Amino acid sequence: MVFKTIVNPFSSVSWAWKALRGQSVTFAALFALALCGFSVIHWMRLGLRELGFGWIGFILVPIIIIGTIARKENEWMPDEKRRRRWSKGLVFGALLFLVVEAKIRSYFTESRAAPPASQTPSSVRK
């Protein structure tokens, strides 16, 4: 199954910055999931479309939900050092996962050589 990721590059940079500063585990999780090919915002918008929300809902509802979760984070995880460790661990763990996945995929991909000269389009037309 291939996930089609639709992630705004500006928001992903913002999420990465907040995560690397250790400011928010929520944004670290969003960034890590986006790196791994699963866009939470995309799936949230698909759900909103099925519920019949218009374009304004596509903009406001994800902002409200993610903002609320990020604000409640201090209550769920009051220790700041623990939050920093979790957020940085999520980001670097996702990056490590991507490097390992790319390395493993490189072992299983076929090398595609150029077609023989007799099969190139220019030689077929002659």
PDB file of N, CA and C in Angstrom:
ATOM      1  N   MET A   1       0.842  -1.172   0.000  1.00  0.00           N
ATOM      2  CA  MET A   1       0.000   0.000   0.000  1.00  0.00           C
ATOM      3  C   MET A   1       0.887   1.235   0.000  1.00  0.00           C
ATOM      4  N   VAL A   2       0.642   2.140  -0.894  1.00  0.00           N
ATOM      5  CA  VAL A   2       1.434   3.352  -1.009  1.00  0.00           C
ATOM      6  C   VAL A   2       0.600   4.516  -0.504  1.00  0.00           C
ATOM      7  N   PHE A   3       1.174   5.281   0.420  1.00  0.00           N
ATOM      8  CA  PHE A   3       0.487   6.453   0.936  1.00  0.00           C
ATOM      9  C   PHE A   3       0.830   7.640   0.055  1.00  0.00           C
ATOM     10  N   LYS A   4      -0.166   8.391  -0.319  1.00  0.00           N
ATOM     11  CA  LYS A   4       0.062   9.617  -1.065  1.00  0.00           C
ATOM     12  C   LYS A   4       0.155  10.737  -0.046  1.00  0.00           C
ATOM     13  N   THR A   5       1.327  11.320   0.069  1.00  0.00           N
ATOM     14  CA  THR A   5       1.510  12.350   1.072  1.00  0.00           C
ATOM     15  C   THR A   5       1.263  13.720   0.473  1.00  0.00           C
ATOM     16  N   ILE A   6       0.492  14.481   1.172  1.00  0.00           N
ATOM     17  CA  ILE A   6       0.243  15.859   0.798  1.00  0.00           C
ATOM     18  C   ILE A   6       0.574  16.681   2.035  1.00  0.00           C
ATOM     19  N   VAL A   7       1.800  17.164   2.089  1.00  0.00           N
ATOM     20  CA  VAL A   7       2.266  17.907   3.247  1.00  0.00           C
ATOM     21  C   VAL A   7       2.769  19.261   2.769  1.00  0.00           C
ATOM     22  N   ASN A   8       2.284  20.293   3.392  1.00  0.00           N
ATOM     23  CA  ASN A   8       2.741  21.640   3.098  1.00  0.00           C
ATOM     24  C   ASN A   8       4.185  21.777   3.564  1.00  0.00           C
ATOM     25  N   PRO A   9       5.126  22.123   2.670  1.00  0.00           N
ATOM     26  CA  PRO A   9       6.524  22.218   3.082  1.00  0.00           C
ATOM     27  C   PRO A   9       6.765  23.271   4.161  1.00  0.00           C
ATOM     28  N   PHE A  10       5.996  24.348   4.144  1.00  0.00           N
ATOM     29  CA  PHE A  10       6.182  25.383   5.153  1.00  0.00           C
ATOM     30  C   PHE A  10       5.765  24.896   6.538  1.00  0.00           C
ATOM     31  N   SER A  11       4.662  24.156   6.606  1.00  0.00           N
ATOM     32  CA  SER A  11       4.234  23.648   7.908  1.00  0.00           C
ATOM     33  C   SER A  11       5.178  22.567   8.399  1.00  0.00           C
ATOM     34  N   SER A  12       5.733  21.762   7.498  1.00  0.00           N
ATOM     35  CA  SER A  12       6.655  20.725   7.946  1.00  0.00           C
ATOM     36  C   SER A  12       7.944  21.336   8.494  1.00  0.00           C
ATOM     37  N   VAL A  13       8.393  22.448   7.928  1.00  0.00           N
ATOM     38  CA  VAL A  13       9.570  23.136   8.468  1.00  0.00           C
ATOM     39  C   VAL A  13       9.246  23.695   9.854  1.00  0.00           C
ATOM     40  N   SER A  14       8.060  24.257  10.005  1.00  0.00           N
ATOM     41  CA  SER A  14       7.637  24.785  11.299  1.00  0.00           C
ATOM     42  C   SER A  14       7.549  23.674  12.342  1.00  0.00           C
ATOM     43  N   TRP A  15       6.963  22.521  11.936  1.00  0.00           N
ATOM     44  CA  TRP A  15       6.853  21.397  12.861  1.00  0.00           C
ATOM     45  C   TRP A  15       8.236  20.903  13.268  1.00  0.00           C
ATOM     46  N   ALA A  16       9.145  20.819  12.299  1.00  0.00           N
ATOM     47  CA  ALA A  16      10.500  20.346  12.599  1.00  0.00           C
ATOM     48  C   ALA A  16      11.205  21.296  13.557  1.00  0.00           C
ATOM     49  N   TRP A  17      11.038  22.598  13.342  1.00  0.00           N
ATOM     50  CA  TRP A  17      11.683  23.574  14.209  1.00  0.00           C
ATOM     51  C   TRP A  17      11.154  23.464  15.644  1.00  0.00           C
ATOM     52  N   LYS A  18       9.842  23.364  15.806  1.00  0.00           N
ATOM     53  CA  LYS A  18       9.272  23.235  17.145  1.00  0.00           C
ATOM     54  C   LYS A  18       9.698  21.928  17.797  1.00  0.00           C
ATOM     55  N   ALA A  19       9.815  20.877  17.005  1.00  0.00           N
ATOM     56  CA  ALA A  19      10.209  19.576  17.541  1.00  0.00           C
ATOM     57  C   ALA A  19      11.675  19.571  17.945  1.00  0.00           C
ATOM     58  N   LEU A  20      12.548  20.139  17.118  1.00  0.00           N
ATOM     59  CA  LEU A  20      13.974  20.125  17.424  1.00  0.00           C
ATOM     60  C   LEU A  20      14.316  21.030  18.608  1.00  0.00           C
ATOM     61  N   ARG A  21      13.539  22.072  18.806  1.00  0.00           N
ATOM     62  CA  ARG A  21      13.743  22.904  19.990  1.00  0.00           C
ATOM     63  C   ARG A  21      13.224  22.204  21.237  1.00  0.00           C
ATOM     64  N   GLY A  22      12.505  21.110  21.042  1.00  0.00           N
ATOM     65  CA  GLY A  22      11.951  20.389  22.176  1.00  0.00           C
ATOM     66  C   GLY A  22      10.718  21.048  22.725  1.00  0.00           C
ATOM     67  N   GLN A  23      10.087  21.866  21.928  1.00  0.00           N
ATOM     68  CA  GLN A  23       8.961  22.638  22.393  1.00  0.00           C
ATOM     69  C   GLN A  23       7.664  21.837  22.401  1.00  0.00           C
ATOM     70  N   SER A  24       7.509  20.896  21.447  1.00  0.00           N
ATOM     71  CA  SER A  24       6.233  20.221  21.336  1.00  0.00           C
ATOM     72  C   SER A  24       6.374  18.793  20.818  1.00  0.00           C
ATOM     73  N   VAL A  25       5.848  17.863  21.576  1.00  0.00           N
ATOM     74  CA  VAL A  25       5.814  16.464  21.147  1.00  0.00           C
ATOM     75  C   VAL A  25       4.766  16.294  20.046  1.00  0.00           C
ATOM     76  N   THR A  26       3.704  17.074  20.102  1.00  0.00           N
ATOM     77  CA  THR A  26       2.655  17.002  19.088  1.00  0.00           C
ATOM     78  C   THR A  26       3.219  17.313  17.712  1.00  0.00           C
ATOM     79  N   PHE A  27       3.952  18.396  17.588  1.00  0.00           N
ATOM     80  CA  PHE A  27       4.513  18.767  16.296  1.00  0.00           C
ATOM     81  C   PHE A  27       5.631  17.808  15.883  1.00  0.00           C
ATOM     82  N   ALA A  28       6.345  17.256  16.854  1.00  0.00           N
ATOM     83  CA  ALA A  28       7.354  16.248  16.530  1.00  0.00           C
ATOM     84  C   ALA A  28       6.697  15.004  15.951  1.00  0.00           C
ATOM     85  N   ALA A  29       5.573  14.606  16.527  1.00  0.00           N
ATOM     86  CA  ALA A  29       4.856  13.436  16.013  1.00  0.00           C
ATOM     87  C   ALA A  29       4.303  13.708  14.616  1.00  0.00           C
ATOM     88  N   LEU A  30       3.755  14.900  14.388  1.00  0.00           N
ATOM     89  CA  LEU A  30       3.255  15.262  13.058  1.00  0.00           C
ATOM     90  C   LEU A  30       4.382  15.237  12.026  1.00  0.00           C
ATOM     91  N   PHE A  31       5.521  15.801  12.394  1.00  0.00           N
ATOM     92  CA  PHE A  31       6.665  15.841  11.482  1.00  0.00           C
ATOM     93  C   PHE A  31       7.193  14.437  11.209  1.00  0.00           C
ATOM     94  N   ALA A  32       7.320  13.618  12.250  1.00  0.00           N
ATOM     95  CA  ALA A  32       7.823  12.255  12.085  1.00  0.00           C
ATOM     96  C   ALA A  32       6.880  11.425  11.220  1.00  0.00           C
ATOM     97  N   LEU A  33       5.586  11.555  11.442  1.00  0.00           N
ATOM     98  CA  LEU A  33       4.622  10.820  10.615  1.00  0.00           C
ATOM     99  C   LEU A  33       4.667  11.289   9.163  1.00  0.00           C
ATOM    100  N   ALA A  34       4.819  12.590   8.951  1.00  0.00           N
ATOM    101  CA  ALA A  34       4.907  13.112   7.580  1.00  0.00           C
ATOM    102  C   ALA A  34       6.170  12.603   6.890  1.00  0.00           C
ATOM    103  N   LEU A  35       7.280  12.534   7.624  1.00  0.00           N
ATOM    104  CA  LEU A  35       8.511  11.999   7.051  1.00  0.00           C
ATOM    105  C   LEU A  35       8.356  10.541   6.646  1.00  0.00           C
ATOM    106  N   CYS A  36       7.601   9.810   7.429  1.00  0.00           N
ATOM    107  CA  CYS A  36       7.412   8.381   7.152  1.00  0.00           C
ATOM    108  C   CYS A  36       6.316   8.125   6.125  1.00  0.00           C
ATOM    109  N   GLY A  37       5.708   9.176   5.595  1.00  0.00           N
ATOM    110  CA  GLY A  37       4.753   9.017   4.514  1.00  0.00           C
ATOM    111  C   GLY A  37       3.300   8.991   4.930  1.00  0.00           C
ATOM    112  N   PHE A  38       3.007   9.392   6.141  1.00  0.00           N
ATOM    113  CA  PHE A  38       1.629   9.391   6.609  1.00  0.00           C
ATOM    114  C   PHE A  38       1.282  10.809   7.045  1.00  0.00           C
ATOM    115  N   SER A  39       0.519  11.520   6.227  1.00  0.00           N
ATOM    116  CA  SER A  39       0.139  12.888   6.541  1.00  0.00           C
ATOM    117  C   SER A  39      -1.172  12.892   7.321  1.00  0.00           C
ATOM    118  N   VAL A  40      -1.089  13.267   8.571  1.00  0.00           N
ATOM    119  CA  VAL A  40      -2.270  13.317   9.436  1.00  0.00           C
ATOM    120  C   VAL A  40      -3.268  14.342   8.912  1.00  0.00           C
ATOM    121  N   ILE A  41      -2.761  15.471   8.450  1.00  0.00           N
ATOM    122  CA  ILE A  41      -3.629  16.524   7.935  1.00  0.00           C
ATOM    123  C   ILE A  41      -4.397  16.035   6.712  1.00  0.00           C
ATOM    124  N   HIS A  42      -3.723  15.304   5.839  1.00  0.00           N
ATOM    125  CA  HIS A  42      -4.385  14.769   4.643  1.00  0.00           C
ATOM    126  C   HIS A  42      -5.540  13.855   5.029  1.00  0.00           C
ATOM    127  N   TRP A  43      -5.306  12.949   5.955  1.00  0.00           N
ATOM    128  CA  TRP A  43      -6.362  12.018   6.367  1.00  0.00           C
ATOM    129  C   TRP A  43      -7.470  12.732   7.120  1.00  0.00           C
ATOM    130  N   MET A  44      -7.103  13.782   7.873  1.00  0.00           N
ATOM    131  CA  MET A  44      -8.112  14.571   8.570  1.00  0.00           C
ATOM    132  C   MET A  44      -9.009  15.286   7.553  1.00  0.00           C
ATOM    133  N   ARG A  45      -8.393  15.810   6.505  1.00  0.00           N
ATOM    134  CA  ARG A  45      -9.171  16.506   5.475  1.00  0.00           C
ATOM    135  C   ARG A  45     -10.045  15.543   4.683  1.00  0.00           C
ATOM    136  N   LEU A  46      -9.573  14.326   4.455  1.00  0.00           N
ATOM    137  CA  LEU A  46     -10.410  13.325   3.796  1.00  0.00           C
ATOM    138  C   LEU A  46     -11.656  13.038   4.636  1.00  0.00           C
ATOM    139  N   GLY A  47     -11.464  12.919   5.943  1.00  0.00           N
ATOM    140  CA  GLY A  47     -12.597  12.702   6.840  1.00  0.00           C
ATOM    141  C   GLY A  47     -13.555  13.883   6.837  1.00  0.00           C
ATOM    142  N   LEU A  48     -13.008  15.088   6.820  1.00  0.00           N
ATOM    143  CA  LEU A  48     -13.852  16.281   6.776  1.00  0.00           C
ATOM    144  C   LEU A  48     -14.639  16.358   5.474  1.00  0.00           C
ATOM    145  N   ARG A  49     -14.012  15.946   4.374  1.00  0.00           N
ATOM    146  CA  ARG A  49     -14.720  15.948   3.092  1.00  0.00           C
ATOM    147  C   ARG A  49     -15.881  14.966   3.128  1.00  0.00           C
ATOM    148  N   GLU A  50     -15.668  13.792   3.735  1.00  0.00           N
ATOM    149  CA  GLU A  50     -16.736  12.800   3.839  1.00  0.00           C
ATOM    150  C   GLU A  50     -17.880  13.303   4.722  1.00  0.00           C
ATOM    151  N   LEU A  51     -17.543  14.134   5.708  1.00  0.00           N
ATOM    152  CA  LEU A  51     -18.573  14.693   6.587  1.00  0.00           C
ATOM    153  C   LEU A  51     -19.282  15.894   5.972  1.00  0.00           C
ATOM    154  N   GLY A  52     -18.779  16.374   4.826  1.00  0.00           N
ATOM    155  CA  GLY A  52     -19.443  17.461   4.124  1.00  0.00           C
ATOM    156  C   GLY A  52     -18.966  18.854   4.492  1.00  0.00           C
ATOM    157  N   PHE A  53     -17.794  18.977   5.101  1.00  0.00           N
ATOM    158  CA  PHE A  53     -17.262  20.296   5.435  1.00  0.00           C
ATOM    159  C   PHE A  53     -16.816  21.002   4.163  1.00  0.00           C
ATOM    160  N   GLY A  54     -16.882  22.317   4.168  1.00  0.00           N
ATOM    161  CA  GLY A  54     -16.440  23.113   3.033  1.00  0.00           C
ATOM    162  C   GLY A  54     -14.974  23.487   3.169  1.00  0.00           C
ATOM    163  N   TRP A  55     -14.538  24.390   2.341  1.00  0.00           N
ATOM    164  CA  TRP A  55     -13.126  24.768   2.314  1.00  0.00           C
ATOM    165  C   TRP A  55     -12.685  25.423   3.615  1.00  0.00           C
ATOM    166  N   ILE A  56     -13.574  26.145   4.269  1.00  0.00           N
ATOM    167  CA  ILE A  56     -13.194  26.798   5.527  1.00  0.00           C
ATOM    168  C   ILE A  56     -12.938  25.763   6.619  1.00  0.00           C
ATOM    169  N   GLY A  57     -13.678  24.659   6.575  1.00  0.00           N
ATOM    170  CA  GLY A  57     -13.446  23.574   7.524  1.00  0.00           C
ATOM    171  C   GLY A  57     -12.111  22.901   7.299  1.00  0.00           C
ATOM    172  N   PHE A  58     -11.676  22.844   6.025  1.00  0.00           N
ATOM    173  CA  PHE A  58     -10.375  22.249   5.707  1.00  0.00           C
ATOM    174  C   PHE A  58      -9.237  23.043   6.341  1.00  0.00           C
ATOM    175  N   ILE A  59      -9.464  24.339   6.496  1.00  0.00           N
ATOM    176  CA  ILE A  59      -8.424  25.194   7.065  1.00  0.00           C
ATOM    177  C   ILE A  59      -8.530  25.249   8.585  1.00  0.00           C
ATOM    178  N   LEU A  60      -9.729  25.491   9.105  1.00  0.00           N
ATOM    179  CA  LEU A  60      -9.886  25.762  10.532  1.00  0.00           C
ATOM    180  C   LEU A  60      -9.878  24.525  11.428  1.00  0.00           C
ATOM    181  N   VAL A  61     -10.548  23.466  11.017  1.00  0.00           N
ATOM    182  CA  VAL A  61     -10.683  22.300  11.902  1.00  0.00           C
ATOM    183  C   VAL A  61      -9.328  21.666  12.237  1.00  0.00           C
ATOM    184  N   PRO A  62      -8.432  21.402  11.261  1.00  0.00           N
ATOM    185  CA  PRO A  62      -7.129  20.855  11.640  1.00  0.00           C
ATOM    186  C   PRO A  62      -6.321  21.785  12.544  1.00  0.00           C
ATOM    187  N   ILE A  63      -6.400  23.087  12.297  1.00  0.00           N
ATOM    188  CA  ILE A  63      -5.677  24.041  13.146  1.00  0.00           C
ATOM    189  C   ILE A  63      -6.206  23.979  14.573  1.00  0.00           C
ATOM    190  N   ILE A  64      -7.518  23.936  14.723  1.00  0.00           N
ATOM    191  CA  ILE A  64      -8.130  23.905  16.059  1.00  0.00           C
ATOM    192  C   ILE A  64      -7.782  22.599  16.779  1.00  0.00           C
ATOM    193  N   ILE A  65      -7.898  21.477  16.088  1.00  0.00           N
ATOM    194  CA  ILE A  65      -7.630  20.175  16.729  1.00  0.00           C
ATOM    195  C   ILE A  65      -6.160  20.059  17.135  1.00  0.00           C
ATOM    196  N   ILE A  66      -5.243  20.373  16.223  1.00  0.00           N
ATOM    197  CA  ILE A  66      -3.816  20.237  16.532  1.00  0.00           C
ATOM    198  C   ILE A  66      -3.391  21.264  17.577  1.00  0.00           C
ATOM    199  N   GLY A  67      -3.921  22.477  17.486  1.00  0.00           N
ATOM    200  CA  GLY A  67      -3.608  23.493  18.495  1.00  0.00           C
ATOM    201  C   GLY A  67      -4.088  23.095  19.882  1.00  0.00           C
ATOM    202  N   THR A  68      -5.269  22.498  19.958  1.00  0.00           N
ATOM    203  CA  THR A  68      -5.801  22.043  21.247  1.00  0.00           C
ATOM    204  C   THR A  68      -4.947  20.925  21.830  1.00  0.00           C
ATOM    205  N   ILE A  69      -4.568  19.979  20.993  1.00  0.00           N
ATOM    206  CA  ILE A  69      -3.713  18.881  21.466  1.00  0.00           C
ATOM    207  C   ILE A  69      -2.368  19.423  21.938  1.00  0.00           C
ATOM    208  N   ALA A  70      -1.785  20.373  21.199  1.00  0.00           N
ATOM    209  CA  ALA A  70      -0.495  20.952  21.582  1.00  0.00           C
ATOM    210  C   ALA A  70      -0.593  21.714  22.905  1.00  0.00           C
ATOM    211  N   ARG A  71      -1.721  22.405  23.146  1.00  0.00           N
ATOM    212  CA  ARG A  71      -1.885  23.127  24.409  1.00  0.00           C
ATOM    213  C   ARG A  71      -2.069  22.184  25.588  1.00  0.00           C
ATOM    214  N   LYS A  72      -2.754  21.066  25.368  1.00  0.00           N
ATOM    215  CA  LYS A  72      -2.995  20.096  26.441  1.00  0.00           C
ATOM    216  C   LYS A  72      -1.745  19.277  26.765  1.00  0.00           C
ATOM    217  N   GLU A  73      -0.743  19.379  25.920  1.00  0.00           N
ATOM    218  CA  GLU A  73       0.475  18.594  26.096  1.00  0.00           C
ATOM    219  C   GLU A  73       1.161  18.865  27.439  1.00  0.00           C
ATOM    220  N   ASN A  74       1.111  20.109  27.908  1.00  0.00           N
ATOM    221  CA  ASN A  74       1.718  20.444  29.200  1.00  0.00           C
ATOM    222  C   ASN A  74       1.032  19.715  30.351  1.00  0.00           C
ATOM    223  N   GLU A  75      -0.252  19.465  30.238  1.00  0.00           N
ATOM    224  CA  GLU A  75      -0.970  18.730  31.279  1.00  0.00           C
ATOM    225  C   GLU A  75      -0.637  17.242  31.230  1.00  0.00           C
ATOM    226  N   TRP A  76      -0.510  16.702  30.012  1.00  0.00           N
ATOM    227  CA  TRP A  76      -0.256  15.271  29.861  1.00  0.00           C
ATOM    228  C   TRP A  76       1.190  14.907  30.195  1.00  0.00           C
ATOM    229  N   MET A  77       2.114  15.811  29.898  1.00  0.00           N
ATOM    230  CA  MET A  77       3.528  15.558  30.128  1.00  0.00           C
ATOM    231  C   MET A  77       4.143  16.809  30.759  1.00  0.00           C
ATOM    232  N   PRO A  78       3.982  16.980  32.086  1.00  0.00           N
ATOM    233  CA  PRO A  78       4.428  18.232  32.712  1.00  0.00           C
ATOM    234  C   PRO A  78       5.951  18.402  32.767  1.00  0.00           C
ATOM    235  N   ASP A  79       6.710  17.318  32.738  1.00  0.00           N
ATOM    236  CA  ASP A  79       8.166  17.407  32.819  1.00  0.00           C
ATOM    237  C   ASP A  79       8.748  17.872  31.478  1.00  0.00           C
ATOM    238  N   GLU A  80       9.387  19.056  31.507  1.00  0.00           N
ATOM    239  CA  GLU A  80       9.901  19.637  30.265  1.00  0.00           C
ATOM    240  C   GLU A  80      11.047  18.818  29.673  1.00  0.00           C
ATOM    241  N   LYS A  81      11.897  18.260  30.512  1.00  0.00           N
ATOM    242  CA  LYS A  81      13.005  17.450  30.002  1.00  0.00           C
ATOM    243  C   LYS A  81      12.485  16.203  29.285  1.00  0.00           C
ATOM    244  N   ARG A  82      11.445  15.623  29.827  1.00  0.00           N
ATOM    245  CA  ARG A  82      10.861  14.438  29.204  1.00  0.00           C
ATOM    246  C   ARG A  82      10.238  14.784  27.847  1.00  0.00           C
ATOM    247  N   ARG A  83       9.556  15.943  27.780  1.00  0.00           N
ATOM    248  CA  ARG A  83       8.973  16.392  26.511  1.00  0.00           C
ATOM    249  C   ARG A  83      10.053  16.622  25.468  1.00  0.00           C
ATOM    250  N   ARG A  84      11.151  17.259  25.869  1.00  0.00           N
ATOM    251  CA  ARG A  84      12.259  17.504  24.934  1.00  0.00           C
ATOM    252  C   ARG A  84      12.845  16.183  24.421  1.00  0.00           C
ATOM    253  N   ARG A  85      13.033  15.240  25.338  1.00  0.00           N
ATOM    254  CA  ARG A  85      13.591  13.941  24.954  1.00  0.00           C
ATOM    255  C   ARG A  85      12.655  13.222  23.977  1.00  0.00           C
ATOM    256  N   TRP A  86      11.360  13.255  24.253  1.00  0.00           N
ATOM    257  CA  TRP A  86      10.388  12.609  23.371  1.00  0.00           C
ATOM    258  C   TRP A  86      10.361  13.269  21.999  1.00  0.00           C
ATOM    259  N   SER A  87      10.319  14.609  21.953  1.00  0.00           N
ATOM    260  CA  SER A  87      10.220  15.291  20.664  1.00  0.00           C
ATOM    261  C   SER A  87      11.473  15.074  19.820  1.00  0.00           C
ATOM    262  N   LYS A  88      12.631  15.192  20.431  1.00  0.00           N
ATOM    263  CA  LYS A  88      13.864  14.963  19.672  1.00  0.00           C
ATOM    264  C   LYS A  88      14.002  13.498  19.285  1.00  0.00           C
ATOM    265  N   GLY A  89      13.572  12.607  20.152  1.00  0.00           N
ATOM    266  CA  GLY A  89      13.616  11.180  19.832  1.00  0.00           C
ATOM    267  C   GLY A  89      12.712  10.828  18.665  1.00  0.00           C
ATOM    268  N   LEU A  90      11.534  11.444  18.614  1.00  0.00           N
ATOM    269  CA  LEU A  90      10.624  11.200  17.487  1.00  0.00           C
ATOM    270  C   LEU A  90      11.224  11.681  16.168  1.00  0.00           C
ATOM    271  N   VAL A  91      11.801  12.874  16.166  1.00  0.00           N
ATOM    272  CA  VAL A  91      12.359  13.425  14.927  1.00  0.00           C
ATOM    273  C   VAL A  91      13.559  12.610  14.470  1.00  0.00           C
ATOM    274  N   PHE A  92      14.512  12.375  15.372  1.00  0.00           N
ATOM    275  CA  PHE A  92      15.709  11.638  14.971  1.00  0.00           C
ATOM    276  C   PHE A  92      15.394  10.167  14.703  1.00  0.00           C
ATOM    277  N   GLY A  93      14.415   9.619  15.398  1.00  0.00           N
ATOM    278  CA  GLY A  93      13.988   8.248  15.123  1.00  0.00           C
ATOM    279  C   GLY A  93      13.380   8.123  13.733  1.00  0.00           C
ATOM    280  N   ALA A  94      12.568   9.116  13.331  1.00  0.00           N
ATOM    281  CA  ALA A  94      11.986   9.102  11.984  1.00  0.00           C
ATOM    282  C   ALA A  94      13.066   9.252  10.925  1.00  0.00           C
ATOM    283  N   LEU A  95      14.040  10.125  11.184  1.00  0.00           N
ATOM    284  CA  LEU A  95      15.141  10.277  10.225  1.00  0.00           C
ATOM    285  C   LEU A  95      15.955   8.991  10.110  1.00  0.00           C
ATOM    286  N   LEU A  96      16.217   8.353  11.230  1.00  0.00           N
ATOM    287  CA  LEU A  96      16.941   7.081  11.212  1.00  0.00           C
ATOM    288  C   LEU A  96      16.143   6.016  10.470  1.00  0.00           C
ATOM    289  N   PHE A  97      14.842   5.987  10.704  1.00  0.00           N
ATOM    290  CA  PHE A  97      13.973   5.049  10.004  1.00  0.00           C
ATOM    291  C   PHE A  97      14.052   5.252   8.491  1.00  0.00           C
ATOM    292  N   LEU A  98      14.046   6.509   8.059  1.00  0.00           N
ATOM    293  CA  LEU A  98      14.113   6.793   6.619  1.00  0.00           C
ATOM    294  C   LEU A  98      15.435   6.354   6.014  1.00  0.00           C
ATOM    295  N   VAL A  99      16.528   6.568   6.734  1.00  0.00           N
ATOM    296  CA  VAL A  99      17.841   6.148   6.230  1.00  0.00           C
ATOM    297  C   VAL A  99      17.903   4.631   6.120  1.00  0.00           C
ATOM    298  N   VAL A 100      17.437   3.935   7.145  1.00  0.00           N
ATOM    299  CA  VAL A 100      17.443   2.464   7.117  1.00  0.00           C
ATOM    300  C   VAL A 100      16.516   1.942   6.023  1.00  0.00           C
ATOM    301  N   GLU A 101      15.339   2.540   5.890  1.00  0.00           N
ATOM    302  CA  GLU A 101      14.408   2.109   4.849  1.00  0.00           C
ATOM    303  C   GLU A 101      14.997   2.313   3.457  1.00  0.00           C
ATOM    304  N   ALA A 102      15.644   3.445   3.230  1.00  0.00           N
ATOM    305  CA  ALA A 102      16.253   3.713   1.924  1.00  0.00           C
ATOM    306  C   ALA A 102      17.365   2.712   1.628  1.00  0.00           C
ATOM    307  N   LYS A 103      18.128   2.388   2.650  1.00  0.00           N
ATOM    308  CA  LYS A 103      19.213   1.414   2.468  1.00  0.00           C
ATOM    309  C   LYS A 103      18.644   0.036   2.141  1.00  0.00           C
ATOM    310  N   ILE A 104      17.616  -0.377   2.841  1.00  0.00           N
ATOM    311  CA  ILE A 104      17.003  -1.686   2.591  1.00  0.00           C
ATOM    312  C   ILE A 104      16.360  -1.713   1.210  1.00  0.00           C
ATOM    313  N   ARG A 105      15.672  -0.644   0.829  1.00  0.00           N
ATOM    314  CA  ARG A 105      15.049  -0.596  -0.499  1.00  0.00           C
ATOM    315  C   ARG A 105      16.084  -0.662  -1.609  1.00  0.00           C
ATOM    316  N   SER A 106      17.262  -0.106  -1.374  1.00  0.00           N
ATOM    317  CA  SER A 106      18.285  -0.124  -2.414  1.00  0.00           C
ATOM    318  C   SER A 106      18.749  -1.552  -2.722  1.00  0.00           C
ATOM    319  N   TYR A 107      18.627  -2.457  -1.771  1.00  0.00           N
ATOM    320  CA  TYR A 107      19.006  -3.850  -2.011  1.00  0.00           C
ATOM    321  C   TYR A 107      17.994  -4.575  -2.884  1.00  0.00           C
ATOM    322  N   PHE A 108      16.755  -4.128  -2.895  1.00  0.00           N
ATOM    323  CA  PHE A 108      15.696  -4.848  -3.584  1.00  0.00           C
ATOM    324  C   PHE A 108      15.238  -4.214  -4.897  1.00  0.00           C
ATOM    325  N   THR A 109      15.789  -3.084  -5.274  1.00  0.00           N
ATOM    326  CA  THR A 109      15.378  -2.461  -6.527  1.00  0.00           C
ATOM    327  C   THR A 109      16.193  -3.025  -7.671  1.00  0.00           C
ATOM    328  N   GLU A 110      15.546  -3.158  -8.816  1.00  0.00           N
ATOM    329  CA  GLU A 110      16.237  -3.651 -10.007  1.00  0.00           C
ATOM    330  C   GLU A 110      17.028  -2.509 -10.622  1.00  0.00           C
ATOM    331  N   SER A 111      18.183  -2.831 -11.130  1.00  0.00           N
ATOM    332  CA  SER A 111      18.925  -1.800 -11.854  1.00  0.00           C
ATOM    333  C   SER A 111      18.383  -1.771 -13.270  1.00  0.00           C
ATOM    334  N   ARG A 112      17.991  -0.638 -13.711  1.00  0.00           N
ATOM    335  CA  ARG A 112      17.392  -0.491 -15.035  1.00  0.00           C
ATOM    336  C   ARG A 112      18.444   0.046 -15.995  1.00  0.00           C
ATOM    337  N   ALA A 113      18.954  -0.806 -16.803  1.00  0.00           N
ATOM    338  CA  ALA A 113      19.971  -0.414 -17.771  1.00  0.00           C
ATOM    339  C   ALA A 113      19.295   0.216 -18.982  1.00  0.00           C
ATOM    340  N   ALA A 114      20.068   0.956 -19.743  1.00  0.00           N
ATOM    341  CA  ALA A 114      19.544   1.571 -20.965  1.00  0.00           C
ATOM    342  C   ALA A 114      19.232   0.471 -21.969  1.00  0.00           C
ATOM    343  N   PRO A 115      18.194   0.643 -22.792  1.00  0.00           N
ATOM    344  CA  PRO A 115      17.863  -0.386 -23.785  1.00  0.00           C
ATOM    345  C   PRO A 115      18.972  -0.494 -24.832  1.00  0.00           C
ATOM    346  N   PRO A 116      19.113  -1.645 -25.436  1.00  0.00           N
ATOM    347  CA  PRO A 116      20.135  -1.796 -26.478  1.00  0.00           C
ATOM    348  C   PRO A 116      19.899  -0.803 -27.611  1.00  0.00           C
ATOM    349  N   ALA A 117      20.959  -0.484 -28.334  1.00  0.00           N
ATOM    350  CA  ALA A 117      20.881   0.520 -29.396  1.00  0.00           C
ATOM    351  C   ALA A 117      19.893   0.122 -30.479  1.00  0.00           C
ATOM    352  N   SER A 118      19.678  -1.156 -30.657  1.00  0.00           N
ATOM    353  CA  SER A 118      18.759  -1.598 -31.704  1.00  0.00           C
ATOM    354  C   SER A 118      17.301  -1.310 -31.345  1.00  0.00           C
ATOM    355  N   GLN A 119      17.017  -1.008 -30.081  1.00  0.00           N
ATOM    356  CA  GLN A 119      15.639  -0.770 -29.654  1.00  0.00           C
ATOM    357  C   GLN A 119      15.337   0.687 -29.332  1.00  0.00           C
ATOM    358  N   THR A 120      16.272   1.568 -29.567  1.00  0.00           N
ATOM    359  CA  THR A 120      16.015   2.979 -29.292  1.00  0.00           C
ATOM    360  C   THR A 120      15.083   3.542 -30.351  1.00  0.00           C
ATOM    361  N   PRO A 121      14.275   4.526 -30.020  1.00  0.00           N
ATOM    362  CA  PRO A 121      13.310   5.092 -30.973  1.00  0.00           C
ATOM    363  C   PRO A 121      13.957   5.639 -32.244  1.00  0.00           C
ATOM    364  N   SER A 122      15.146   6.212 -32.145  1.00  0.00           N
ATOM    365  CA  SER A 122      15.775   6.785 -33.339  1.00  0.00           C
ATOM    366  C   SER A 122      16.190   5.704 -34.317  1.00  0.00           C
ATOM    367  N   SER A 123      16.592   4.545 -33.831  1.00  0.00           N
ATOM    368  CA  SER A 123      17.000   3.470 -34.731  1.00  0.00           C
ATOM    369  C   SER A 123      15.803   2.760 -35.333  1.00  0.00           C
ATOM    370  N   VAL A 124      14.649   2.805 -34.656  1.00  0.00           N
ATOM    371  CA  VAL A 124      13.453   2.157 -35.165  1.00  0.00           C
ATOM    372  C   VAL A 124      12.906   2.930 -36.358  1.00  0.00           C
ATOM    373  N   ARG A 125      12.997   4.239 -36.349  1.00  0.00           N
ATOM    374  CA  ARG A 125      12.449   5.083 -37.402  1.00  0.00           C
ATOM    375  C   ARG A 125      13.271   5.021 -38.687  1.00  0.00           C
ATOM    376  N   LYS A 126      14.506   4.668 -38.624  1.00  0.00           N
ATOM    377  CA  LYS A 126      15.383   4.677 -39.804  1.00  0.00           C
ATOM    378  C   LYS A 126      15.078   3.571 -40.756  1.00  0.00           C
TER     379      LYS A 126
END
